[in-house]
Each structure stands twice: as C-alpha cells, then as structure tokens.
Amino acid sequence: MPRPLLSNTFRGASTSLARLVSIRSDSVHLPAKYQQFVAEMIMLRLFSVLEKTIAEIAYKICCGAEYINGNVPVLLYRACSIQDARAAMLSRGRARIASELKWTKSKYIADSTKYTIDGHEKFIFFARTHGGMLDEMRKVRNHIAHNNSSTRLNYKQVVRMSYGADVKTPVGVFLTSTKRVPVSKIDEYLVSTRIIINDMVSG
C-alpha cells in the first residue's frame, strides 16, 4: 500500500471548512433568528468534520504517514491499511476489545492511540494542547444535538467560562452574539478547527 498522505487529509478538511465559512458569511445578512439557526447547523457539521479528520489523521499516522514537515512519527504498531489501523486501536494491548474509538476529547484521542502511536508524538501533543477548545466545542455541539439535562449543565459551564458569569442564553445566540465577546463563537470555532487540524498534520 502506498504511504498515505496527511496533506490530502488537510486538503479535504480545508475544503469542508471553506464551505462552512462561506455559509456563515452568507448568513450574516439574514434576520437574527435565522442566523442563529444556521450557526447551530454549522456547529454540528463543523464538529463532525473535526472528529472525522482527527480519526483519519490517527489512522494514517498508524499506517506510516509522515507529517507535512517531513518528520516520521514514532509508532508502537505499523498498520498495513486504514482498516488494520482501526482494528489495532480497538484491540492491541487491551484486556478487552474496545467497542469504539473516540476522538472528541484529548483524553479520548490519547486512549484510542496509546498502543499504536507513541504518546510523545506531535499529534498527541497538539491534541492535549488544544484540549480545552476541543472540549468546549464538544459541549456546545452535544447540547445542540441532544438538549438534555446533562448537556445543558455542560453548556452552562461553557457560557460561564466564556462570559465570566451565569448568563441564560440560547445556543444560537451564544454562537452568533458579539455583545460580550469581540468575535462570535461560531467564527472562533471555525478558525480554531482549522488551527487544530493544521497543527496535528504539520508535525
């Protein structure tokens, strides 16, 4: 199998992000309530792109992909295919085969790869570096998707951390408002997602 390229992963993610940025740009001309609805839909798609891309980066690294800067990651297991990489992450070194791999928190990323990719790798380092933003985005996304008592509590924590106070605000308003922050949260998340992916593939 030819060595997979992280540059292709970055290019694909960049295309998806550019579409979302374009939708966000178009939506600012809509009435506020529609802007808020569009921002929530963007957030759902944005986090899906981020989660899928992180998984793809991990699988490709496990298959021997170099970082974009040319550095070669240190592996604990060299997979022969994406499917083999995923199977190894689920089973290798574990007392029981894991039921799933998770990519939405730095802790989950480290656990999913701990028997296949060296824990000091830049991919893992940047997962931890951006762990706060990953977790914040995860909580906002989960509240949009599930809207239950558990997600509401986590969402309130994000609002408190962002505003410095307990402010009762719907998710759509939180994502689009610039009354309390200089840049809207949805715009911040769009930029942050690109930075996270860029760091993870760059090495």
C-alpha atoms as a PDB file:
ATOM      1  CA  MET A   1       0.000   0.000   0.000  1.00  0.00           C
ATOM      2  CA  PRO A   2       1.377   3.452  -0.891  1.00  0.00           C
ATOM      3  CA  ARG A   3       2.163   5.579   2.148  1.00  0.00           C
ATOM      4  CA  PRO A   4      -0.926   7.688   2.920  1.00  0.00           C
ATOM      5  CA  LEU A   5      -0.562  11.462   2.806  1.00  0.00           C
ATOM      6  CA  LEU A   6      -1.672  13.801   5.577  1.00  0.00           C
ATOM      7  CA  SER A   7      -1.637  16.628   3.042  1.00  0.00           C
ATOM      8  CA  ASN A   8      -4.652  15.003   1.355  1.00  0.00           C
ATOM      9  CA  THR A   9      -6.467  14.877   4.683  1.00  0.00           C
ATOM     10  CA  PHE A  10      -5.711  18.546   5.325  1.00  0.00           C
ATOM     11  CA  ARG A  11      -6.860  19.479   1.828  1.00  0.00           C
ATOM     12  CA  GLY A  12     -10.153  17.645   2.250  1.00  0.00           C
ATOM     13  CA  ALA A  13     -10.807  19.202   5.639  1.00  0.00           C
ATOM     14  CA  SER A  14      -9.934  22.652   4.298  1.00  0.00           C
ATOM     15  CA  THR A  15     -12.478  22.268   1.505  1.00  0.00           C
ATOM     16  CA  SER A  16     -15.187  21.324   4.007  1.00  0.00           C
ATOM     17  CA  LEU A  17     -14.261  24.221   6.280  1.00  0.00           C
ATOM     18  CA  ALA A  18     -14.286  26.686   3.380  1.00  0.00           C
ATOM     19  CA  ARG A  19     -17.875  25.693   2.594  1.00  0.00           C
ATOM     20  CA  LEU A  20     -18.910  26.300   6.186  1.00  0.00           C
ATOM     21  CA  VAL A  21     -17.135  29.663   6.270  1.00  0.00           C
ATOM     22  CA  SER A  22     -18.965  30.630   3.082  1.00  0.00           C
ATOM     23  CA  ILE A  23     -22.331  29.640   4.561  1.00  0.00           C
ATOM     24  CA  ARG A  24     -21.560  31.601   7.702  1.00  0.00           C
ATOM     25  CA  SER A  25     -20.589  34.642   5.628  1.00  0.00           C
ATOM     26  CA  ASP A  26     -23.821  34.461   3.639  1.00  0.00           C
ATOM     27  CA  SER A  27     -25.920  34.002   6.777  1.00  0.00           C
ATOM     28  CA  VAL A  28     -24.900  37.307   8.421  1.00  0.00           C
ATOM     29  CA  HIS A  29     -27.325  39.090   6.073  1.00  0.00           C
ATOM     30  CA  LEU A  30     -30.274  37.112   7.443  1.00  0.00           C
ATOM     31  CA  PRO A  31     -32.501  38.183  10.350  1.00  0.00           C
ATOM     32  CA  ALA A  32     -31.002  37.266  13.739  1.00  0.00           C
ATOM     33  CA  LYS A  33     -33.192  34.218  14.389  1.00  0.00           C
ATOM     34  CA  TYR A  34     -32.165  32.662  11.076  1.00  0.00           C
ATOM     35  CA  GLN A  35     -28.506  33.484  11.668  1.00  0.00           C
ATOM     36  CA  GLN A  36     -28.768  31.615  14.959  1.00  0.00           C
ATOM     37  CA  PHE A  37     -30.373  28.576  13.349  1.00  0.00           C
ATOM     38  CA  VAL A  38     -27.735  28.472  10.601  1.00  0.00           C
ATOM     39  CA  ALA A  39     -24.954  28.813  13.193  1.00  0.00           C
ATOM     40  CA  GLU A  40     -26.270  25.782  15.060  1.00  0.00           C
ATOM     41  CA  MET A  41     -26.297  23.734  11.846  1.00  0.00           C
ATOM     42  CA  ILE A  42     -22.765  24.900  11.040  1.00  0.00           C
ATOM     43  CA  MET A  43     -21.651  23.881  14.526  1.00  0.00           C
ATOM     44  CA  LEU A  44     -22.999  20.361  14.089  1.00  0.00           C
ATOM     45  CA  ARG A  45     -21.273  19.949  10.744  1.00  0.00           C
ATOM     46  CA  LEU A  46     -18.085  21.639  11.930  1.00  0.00           C
ATOM     47  CA  PHE A  47     -17.581  19.274  14.823  1.00  0.00           C
ATOM     48  CA  SER A  48     -18.340  16.306  12.598  1.00  0.00           C
ATOM     49  CA  VAL A  49     -15.589  17.420  10.204  1.00  0.00           C
ATOM     50  CA  LEU A  50     -13.180  17.877  13.106  1.00  0.00           C
ATOM     51  CA  GLU A  51     -13.939  14.485  14.634  1.00  0.00           C
ATOM     52  CA  LYS A  52     -13.693  12.653  11.298  1.00  0.00           C
ATOM     53  CA  THR A  53     -10.451  14.429  10.392  1.00  0.00           C
ATOM     54  CA  ILE A  54      -8.757  13.648  13.717  1.00  0.00           C
ATOM     55  CA  ALA A  55      -9.644   9.973  13.281  1.00  0.00           C
ATOM     56  CA  GLU A  56      -8.305   9.967   9.717  1.00  0.00           C
ATOM     57  CA  ILE A  57      -5.055  11.595  10.827  1.00  0.00           C
ATOM     58  CA  ALA A  58      -4.598   8.954  13.532  1.00  0.00           C
ATOM     59  CA  TYR A  59      -5.260   6.074  11.147  1.00  0.00           C
ATOM     60  CA  LYS A  60      -2.894   7.452   8.518  1.00  0.00           C
ATOM     61  CA  ILE A  61      -0.128   8.063  11.055  1.00  0.00           C
ATOM     62  CA  CYS A  62      -0.531   4.465  12.230  1.00  0.00           C
ATOM     63  CA  CYS A  63      -0.083   3.412   8.585  1.00  0.00           C
ATOM     64  CA  GLY A  64       3.242   5.267   8.386  1.00  0.00           C
ATOM     65  CA  ALA A  65       2.192   8.679   7.068  1.00  0.00           C
ATOM     66  CA  GLU A  66       4.756  11.429   7.555  1.00  0.00           C
ATOM     67  CA  TYR A  67       3.830  14.799   8.986  1.00  0.00           C
ATOM     68  CA  ILE A  68       3.648  17.559   6.403  1.00  0.00           C
ATOM     69  CA  ASN A  69       7.012  18.887   7.603  1.00  0.00           C
ATOM     70  CA  GLY A  70       8.553  15.525   6.656  1.00  0.00           C
ATOM     71  CA  ASN A  71       9.063  14.180  10.170  1.00  0.00           C
ATOM     72  CA  VAL A  72       8.277  10.497  10.645  1.00  0.00           C
ATOM     73  CA  PRO A  73       6.083   9.668  13.666  1.00  0.00           C
ATOM     74  CA  VAL A  74       7.251   7.043  16.149  1.00  0.00           C
ATOM     75  CA  LEU A  75       4.855   4.104  16.108  1.00  0.00           C
ATOM     76  CA  LEU A  76       4.194   1.273  18.514  1.00  0.00           C
ATOM     77  CA  TYR A  77       2.465  -0.629  15.707  1.00  0.00           C
ATOM     78  CA  ARG A  78       2.690  -0.165  11.943  1.00  0.00           C
ATOM     79  CA  ALA A  79      -0.618  -0.897  10.228  1.00  0.00           C
ATOM     80  CA  CYS A  80      -0.899  -2.092   6.646  1.00  0.00           C
ATOM     81  CA  SER A  81      -4.212  -0.333   5.950  1.00  0.00           C
ATOM     82  CA  ILE A  82      -6.705   2.089   7.454  1.00  0.00           C
ATOM     83  CA  GLN A  83      -8.889  -0.870   8.422  1.00  0.00           C
ATOM     84  CA  ASP A  84      -5.917  -2.566  10.086  1.00  0.00           C
ATOM     85  CA  ALA A  85      -5.081   0.649  11.970  1.00  0.00           C
ATOM     86  CA  ARG A  86      -8.611   0.899  13.336  1.00  0.00           C
ATOM     87  CA  ALA A  87      -8.688  -2.788  14.295  1.00  0.00           C
ATOM     88  CA  ALA A  88      -5.342  -2.455  16.090  1.00  0.00           C
ATOM     89  CA  MET A  89      -6.515   0.603  18.005  1.00  0.00           C
ATOM     90  CA  LEU A  90      -9.592  -1.283  19.147  1.00  0.00           C
ATOM     91  CA  SER A  91      -7.773  -4.420  20.270  1.00  0.00           C
ATOM     92  CA  ARG A  92      -3.980  -4.161  20.538  1.00  0.00           C
ATOM     93  CA  GLY A  93      -2.715  -4.166  24.137  1.00  0.00           C
ATOM     94  CA  ARG A  94      -6.213  -4.069  25.619  1.00  0.00           C
ATOM     95  CA  ALA A  95      -7.575  -6.587  28.108  1.00  0.00           C
ATOM     96  CA  ARG A  96     -10.849  -6.363  26.215  1.00  0.00           C
ATOM     97  CA  ILE A  97     -11.544  -5.202  22.688  1.00  0.00           C
ATOM     98  CA  ALA A  98     -12.861  -1.641  22.813  1.00  0.00           C
ATOM     99  CA  SER A  99     -16.368  -1.174  21.431  1.00  0.00           C
ATOM    100  CA  GLU A 100     -15.493   2.136  19.777  1.00  0.00           C
ATOM    101  CA  LEU A 101     -12.790   4.740  19.318  1.00  0.00           C
ATOM    102  CA  LYS A 102     -13.420   8.297  20.438  1.00  0.00           C
ATOM    103  CA  TRP A 103     -11.878  11.455  19.006  1.00  0.00           C
ATOM    104  CA  THR A 104     -13.779  14.300  20.682  1.00  0.00           C
ATOM    105  CA  LYS A 105     -11.551  14.914  23.734  1.00  0.00           C
ATOM    106  CA  SER A 106      -7.773  14.926  24.138  1.00  0.00           C
ATOM    107  CA  LYS A 107      -8.136  12.167  26.749  1.00  0.00           C
ATOM    108  CA  TYR A 108     -10.106  10.026  24.310  1.00  0.00           C
ATOM    109  CA  ILE A 109      -7.601  10.600  21.497  1.00  0.00           C
ATOM    110  CA  ALA A 110      -4.684   9.561  23.705  1.00  0.00           C
ATOM    111  CA  ASP A 111      -6.559   6.455  24.865  1.00  0.00           C
ATOM    112  CA  SER A 112      -7.604   5.462  21.330  1.00  0.00           C
ATOM    113  CA  THR A 113      -3.985   5.554  20.113  1.00  0.00           C
ATOM    114  CA  LYS A 114      -1.968   4.586  23.208  1.00  0.00           C
ATOM    115  CA  TYR A 115      -0.990   1.128  21.925  1.00  0.00           C
ATOM    116  CA  THR A 116      -0.260   2.169  18.340  1.00  0.00           C
ATOM    117  CA  ILE A 117       1.219   5.710  18.341  1.00  0.00           C
ATOM    118  CA  ASP A 118       3.928   6.877  20.724  1.00  0.00           C
ATOM    119  CA  GLY A 119       2.431   9.094  23.432  1.00  0.00           C
ATOM    120  CA  HIS A 120       5.047  11.818  22.848  1.00  0.00           C
ATOM    121  CA  GLU A 121       4.121  12.268  19.196  1.00  0.00           C
ATOM    122  CA  LYS A 122       3.198  15.762  17.959  1.00  0.00           C
ATOM    123  CA  PHE A 123      -0.254  14.513  17.015  1.00  0.00           C
ATOM    124  CA  ILE A 124      -0.900  13.617  20.665  1.00  0.00           C
ATOM    125  CA  PHE A 125       0.885  16.738  21.913  1.00  0.00           C
ATOM    126  CA  PHE A 126      -1.396  19.012  19.890  1.00  0.00           C
ATOM    127  CA  ALA A 127      -4.482  17.036  20.922  1.00  0.00           C
ATOM    128  CA  ARG A 128      -3.561  17.912  24.501  1.00  0.00           C
ATOM    129  CA  THR A 129      -2.557  21.489  23.639  1.00  0.00           C
ATOM    130  CA  HIS A 130      -5.969  22.145  22.072  1.00  0.00           C
ATOM    131  CA  GLY A 131      -7.806  20.012  24.615  1.00  0.00           C
ATOM    132  CA  GLY A 132      -9.652  22.954  26.147  1.00  0.00           C
ATOM    133  CA  MET A 133     -11.057  24.121  22.830  1.00  0.00           C
ATOM    134  CA  LEU A 134     -11.942  20.573  21.765  1.00  0.00           C
ATOM    135  CA  ASP A 135     -13.868  20.046  24.980  1.00  0.00           C
ATOM    136  CA  GLU A 136     -15.652  23.396  24.711  1.00  0.00           C
ATOM    137  CA  MET A 137     -16.748  22.706  21.153  1.00  0.00           C
ATOM    138  CA  ARG A 138     -17.834  19.185  22.119  1.00  0.00           C
ATOM    139  CA  LYS A 139     -20.074  20.516  24.899  1.00  0.00           C
ATOM    140  CA  VAL A 140     -21.708  23.104  22.631  1.00  0.00           C
ATOM    141  CA  ARG A 141     -22.216  20.554  19.856  1.00  0.00           C
ATOM    142  CA  ASN A 142     -23.692  17.996  22.259  1.00  0.00           C
ATOM    143  CA  HIS A 143     -26.215  20.470  23.634  1.00  0.00           C
ATOM    144  CA  ILE A 144     -27.396  21.331  20.115  1.00  0.00           C
ATOM    145  CA  ALA A 145     -27.646  17.649  19.194  1.00  0.00           C
ATOM    146  CA  HIS A 146     -29.178  16.256  22.404  1.00  0.00           C
ATOM    147  CA  ASN A 147     -30.538  19.142  24.510  1.00  0.00           C
ATOM    148  CA  ASN A 148     -30.971  17.213  27.761  1.00  0.00           C
ATOM    149  CA  SER A 149     -30.202  17.955  31.410  1.00  0.00           C
ATOM    150  CA  SER A 150     -26.653  16.624  31.166  1.00  0.00           C
ATOM    151  CA  THR A 151     -25.721  18.588  28.037  1.00  0.00           C
ATOM    152  CA  ARG A 152     -27.431  21.677  29.460  1.00  0.00           C
ATOM    153  CA  LEU A 153     -25.195  21.579  32.535  1.00  0.00           C
ATOM    154  CA  ASN A 154     -22.047  21.292  30.407  1.00  0.00           C
ATOM    155  CA  TYR A 155     -23.260  24.066  28.105  1.00  0.00           C
ATOM    156  CA  LYS A 156     -23.824  26.340  31.094  1.00  0.00           C
ATOM    157  CA  GLN A 157     -20.198  25.731  32.099  1.00  0.00           C
ATOM    158  CA  VAL A 158     -19.050  26.897  28.669  1.00  0.00           C
ATOM    159  CA  VAL A 159     -21.184  30.046  28.905  1.00  0.00           C
ATOM    160  CA  ARG A 160     -19.845  30.807  32.387  1.00  0.00           C
ATOM    161  CA  MET A 161     -16.263  30.309  31.230  1.00  0.00           C
ATOM    162  CA  SER A 162     -16.805  32.470  28.126  1.00  0.00           C
ATOM    163  CA  TYR A 163     -18.752  35.309  29.760  1.00  0.00           C
ATOM    164  CA  GLY A 164     -17.410  35.153  33.294  1.00  0.00           C
ATOM    165  CA  ALA A 165     -20.923  34.864  34.683  1.00  0.00           C
ATOM    166  CA  ASP A 166     -24.013  32.664  34.585  1.00  0.00           C
ATOM    167  CA  VAL A 167     -25.889  34.106  31.631  1.00  0.00           C
ATOM    168  CA  LYS A 168     -29.052  32.454  30.350  1.00  0.00           C
ATOM    169  CA  THR A 169     -28.637  32.412  26.589  1.00  0.00           C
ATOM    170  CA  PRO A 170     -29.847  30.033  23.842  1.00  0.00           C
ATOM    171  CA  VAL A 171     -27.118  28.228  21.909  1.00  0.00           C
ATOM    172  CA  GLY A 172     -27.847  30.075  18.666  1.00  0.00           C
ATOM    173  CA  VAL A 173     -27.473  33.427  20.409  1.00  0.00           C
ATOM    174  CA  PHE A 174     -24.293  32.256  22.146  1.00  0.00           C
ATOM    175  CA  LEU A 175     -22.810  31.250  18.783  1.00  0.00           C
ATOM    176  CA  THR A 176     -23.634  34.478  16.931  1.00  0.00           C
ATOM    177  CA  SER A 177     -23.595  37.269  19.515  1.00  0.00           C
ATOM    178  CA  THR A 178     -20.735  39.758  19.799  1.00  0.00           C
ATOM    179  CA  LYS A 179     -22.197  41.739  22.696  1.00  0.00           C
ATOM    180  CA  ARG A 180     -19.918  40.155  25.286  1.00  0.00           C
ATOM    181  CA  VAL A 181     -17.051  38.912  23.098  1.00  0.00           C
ATOM    182  CA  PRO A 182     -15.164  40.622  20.251  1.00  0.00           C
ATOM    183  CA  VAL A 183     -15.595  37.690  17.841  1.00  0.00           C
ATOM    184  CA  SER A 184     -18.672  35.492  17.640  1.00  0.00           C
ATOM    185  CA  LYS A 185     -18.220  31.983  18.961  1.00  0.00           C
ATOM    186  CA  ILE A 186     -19.105  30.313  15.666  1.00  0.00           C
ATOM    187  CA  ASP A 187     -16.423  32.348  13.895  1.00  0.00           C
ATOM    188  CA  GLU A 188     -13.949  31.499  16.656  1.00  0.00           C
ATOM    189  CA  TYR A 189     -14.768  27.804  16.331  1.00  0.00           C
ATOM    190  CA  LEU A 190     -14.340  27.879  12.554  1.00  0.00           C
ATOM    191  CA  VAL A 191     -10.867  29.407  12.917  1.00  0.00           C
ATOM    192  CA  SER A 192      -9.909  27.146  15.830  1.00  0.00           C
ATOM    193  CA  THR A 193     -10.869  23.995  13.939  1.00  0.00           C
ATOM    194  CA  ARG A 194      -8.530  24.871  11.085  1.00  0.00           C
ATOM    195  CA  ILE A 195      -5.705  25.608  13.548  1.00  0.00           C
ATOM    196  CA  ILE A 196      -6.206  22.315  15.383  1.00  0.00           C
ATOM    197  CA  ILE A 197      -6.170  20.271  12.173  1.00  0.00           C
ATOM    198  CA  ASN A 198      -3.203  22.191  10.779  1.00  0.00           C
ATOM    199  CA  ASP A 199      -1.171  21.601  13.935  1.00  0.00           C
ATOM    200  CA  MET A 200      -1.999  17.902  14.038  1.00  0.00           C
ATOM    201  CA  VAL A 201      -0.885  17.251  10.448  1.00  0.00           C
ATOM    202  CA  SER A 202       2.101  19.630  10.409  1.00  0.00           C
ATOM    203  CA  GLY A 203       4.292  17.870  12.961  1.00  0.00           C
END
